[in-house]
Protein backbone atom coordinates (compact mmCIF):
# COMPACT_ATOMS: atom_id res chain seq x y z
CA MET A 1 2.19 -1.59 23.60
CA THR A 2 -1.32 -1.38 24.97
CA LEU A 3 -3.20 1.63 26.21
CA SER A 4 -2.59 2.60 29.82
CA ASP A 5 -5.17 1.92 32.51
CA GLU A 6 -5.52 5.70 32.89
CA THR A 7 -6.40 6.11 29.21
CA MET A 8 -8.86 3.23 29.33
CA ALA A 9 -10.53 4.70 32.45
CA ARG A 10 -10.72 8.13 30.79
CA TYR A 11 -12.52 6.67 27.78
CA ALA A 12 -14.86 4.60 29.96
CA ALA A 13 -15.81 7.77 31.89
CA LEU A 14 -16.87 9.66 28.75
CA ASP A 15 -20.53 9.89 27.90
CA THR A 16 -21.78 8.01 24.85
CA ALA A 17 -22.03 11.07 22.62
CA ALA A 18 -18.41 12.00 23.32
CA LEU A 19 -17.24 8.46 22.59
CA ALA A 20 -19.20 8.28 19.35
CA SER A 21 -17.91 11.67 18.24
CA LEU A 22 -14.30 10.52 18.67
CA VAL A 23 -14.55 7.68 16.15
CA PRO A 24 -14.52 9.90 13.00
CA VAL A 25 -11.67 11.98 14.42
CA LEU A 26 -9.63 8.87 15.16
CA ARG A 27 -10.32 7.51 11.67
CA GLN A 28 -9.26 10.81 10.08
CA GLU A 29 -6.06 10.81 12.11
CA SER A 30 -5.48 7.15 11.18
CA VAL A 31 -5.68 8.07 7.49
CA ARG A 32 -3.21 10.92 8.07
CA ALA A 33 -0.87 8.59 9.97
CA LYS A 34 -0.99 6.06 7.11
CA GLU A 35 -0.07 8.83 4.67
CA LEU A 36 2.83 9.85 6.91
CA LEU A 37 3.98 6.22 7.02
CA ARG A 38 3.86 5.98 3.22
CA GLU A 39 5.81 9.24 2.91
CA ALA A 40 8.40 8.08 5.45
CA GLU A 41 8.77 4.76 3.65
CA ALA A 42 9.14 6.53 0.30
CA LYS A 43 11.70 8.91 1.78
CA VAL A 44 13.78 6.03 3.09
CA THR A 45 13.64 4.38 -0.35
CA ASP A 46 14.49 7.66 -2.13
CA ASP A 47 17.31 8.32 0.31
CA ARG A 48 18.78 4.88 -0.30
CA GLU A 49 18.67 5.39 -4.07
CA SER A 50 20.14 8.90 -3.77
CA ASP A 51 22.81 7.67 -1.38
CA ALA A 52 23.80 4.88 -3.74
CA HIS A 53 24.05 7.31 -6.68
CA LEU A 54 26.00 9.86 -4.62
CA SER A 55 28.40 7.17 -3.41
CA GLU A 56 28.96 6.05 -7.00
CA VAL A 57 29.65 9.59 -8.25
CA VAL A 58 32.01 10.35 -5.36
CA ALA A 59 33.87 7.06 -5.85
CA GLU A 60 34.33 7.83 -9.56
CA SER A 61 35.53 11.36 -8.73
CA ILE A 62 38.01 10.07 -6.16
CA LEU A 63 39.31 7.54 -8.69
CA ALA A 64 39.67 10.28 -11.32
CA LEU A 65 41.60 12.41 -8.83
CA GLU A 66 43.84 9.43 -8.06
CA LEU A 67 44.59 9.05 -11.78
CA LEU A 68 45.41 12.77 -11.98
CA LYS A 69 47.84 12.40 -9.08
CA GLU A 70 49.63 9.62 -10.91
CA ALA A 71 49.77 11.68 -14.12
CA ASP A 72 51.09 14.86 -12.44
CA PRO A 73 52.79 14.39 -9.06
CA ALA A 74 53.08 18.19 -8.66
CA VAL A 75 49.36 18.44 -7.89
CA THR A 76 49.33 15.65 -5.31
CA GLU A 77 48.66 17.91 -2.31
CA SER A 78 45.83 19.78 -4.03
CA ILE A 79 44.24 16.55 -5.25
CA SER A 80 44.54 14.91 -1.83
CA ALA A 81 42.67 17.88 -0.33
CA SER A 82 40.00 17.52 -3.02
CA GLN A 83 39.65 13.81 -2.23
CA VAL A 84 39.15 14.61 1.46
CA GLN A 85 36.50 17.18 0.55
CA MET A 86 34.71 14.70 -1.70
CA ARG A 87 34.66 12.05 1.03
CA SER A 88 33.40 14.63 3.52
CA LEU A 89 30.66 15.71 1.11
CA ARG A 90 29.59 12.12 0.62
CA ASP A 91 29.52 11.40 4.35
CA SER A 92 27.55 14.52 5.22
CA ALA A 93 25.06 14.06 2.38
CA LEU A 94 24.22 10.47 3.22
CA SER A 95 21.03 10.28 5.20
CA ASP A 96 21.04 9.17 8.80
CA PRO A 97 19.27 5.79 8.85
CA ALA A 98 18.79 5.96 12.63
CA THR A 99 16.87 9.24 12.36
CA ASN A 100 14.72 7.88 9.52
CA GLN A 101 14.02 4.70 11.50
CA ALA A 102 13.14 6.66 14.65
CA TYR A 103 10.68 8.83 12.71
CA PHE A 104 9.12 5.81 11.02
CA THR A 105 8.80 4.03 14.39
CA ALA A 106 7.19 7.06 16.03
CA VAL A 107 4.62 7.43 13.24
CA ALA A 108 3.89 3.68 13.29
CA GLN A 109 3.37 3.80 17.07
CA TYR A 110 1.04 6.78 16.65
CA ALA A 111 -0.99 4.93 14.01
CA PHE A 112 -1.20 1.84 16.23
CA ASP A 113 -2.30 3.96 19.21
CA LEU A 114 -5.10 5.51 17.13
CA LEU A 115 -6.36 2.08 16.09
CA GLN A 116 -6.27 0.87 19.70
CA ARG A 117 -8.30 3.87 20.83
CA GLU A 118 -10.89 3.30 18.12
CA ARG A 119 -11.14 -0.37 19.12
CA LEU A 120 -11.49 0.65 22.80
CA ILE A 121 -14.34 3.03 21.95
CA LYS A 122 -16.16 0.37 19.94
CA GLU A 123 -15.76 -2.14 22.76
CA GLU A 124 -17.07 0.41 25.28
CA LEU A 125 -20.07 1.22 23.06
CA ALA A 126 -20.77 -2.50 22.70
CA ARG A 127 -20.46 -2.97 26.47
CA ARG A 128 -23.04 -0.21 26.92
CA GLY A 129 -25.33 -2.04 24.52
CA LEU A 130 -25.14 0.60 21.80
CA LEU A 131 -23.27 -1.56 19.30
CA PRO A 132 -24.00 -5.20 18.68
CA GLN A 133 -21.45 -7.70 19.85
CA LEU A 134 -20.33 -10.47 17.58
CA VAL A 135 -20.76 -13.69 19.49
CA LEU A 136 -19.33 -16.66 17.70
CA PRO A 137 -20.33 -20.21 18.60
CA ALA A 138 -17.66 -22.24 20.35
CA PRO A 139 -15.76 -24.47 17.95
CA ARG A 140 -16.76 -28.09 18.07
CA PRO A 141 -14.05 -30.50 19.10
CA ARG A 142 -12.66 -32.50 16.22
CA PRO A 143 -13.02 -36.23 16.44
CA ALA A 144 -9.80 -38.09 17.06
CA PRO A 145 -8.48 -39.86 13.93
């Protein structure tokens, strides 16, 4: 996604001092966004590990309850209720991957937007002649083999 024409016009209308003063702010926000991305990525990884461990513990508990039912049929109803509670606990404790993905996507989009704005400011400053432009020579055509 690129910046809107409105955003680009707004930046082009700013005076040079305002543009230059935005660069450090955008960089600081970019660093913060990168930290948020790392935290979100770590959370997803931690959640997956926790979810796997929780699933394992619940599965073992349900199996143990099943063995108890076989050993003492008189407690079948109580154990069945416990199994339902264990499954419910597992399902409610597991993280919502869609929510995690939506958060990660939003932070990534924010980080990308910050980088685009910084690039736009640098291009505008170069257009105004305040930053040098890198002009590369045109590549020479390769001779046919």
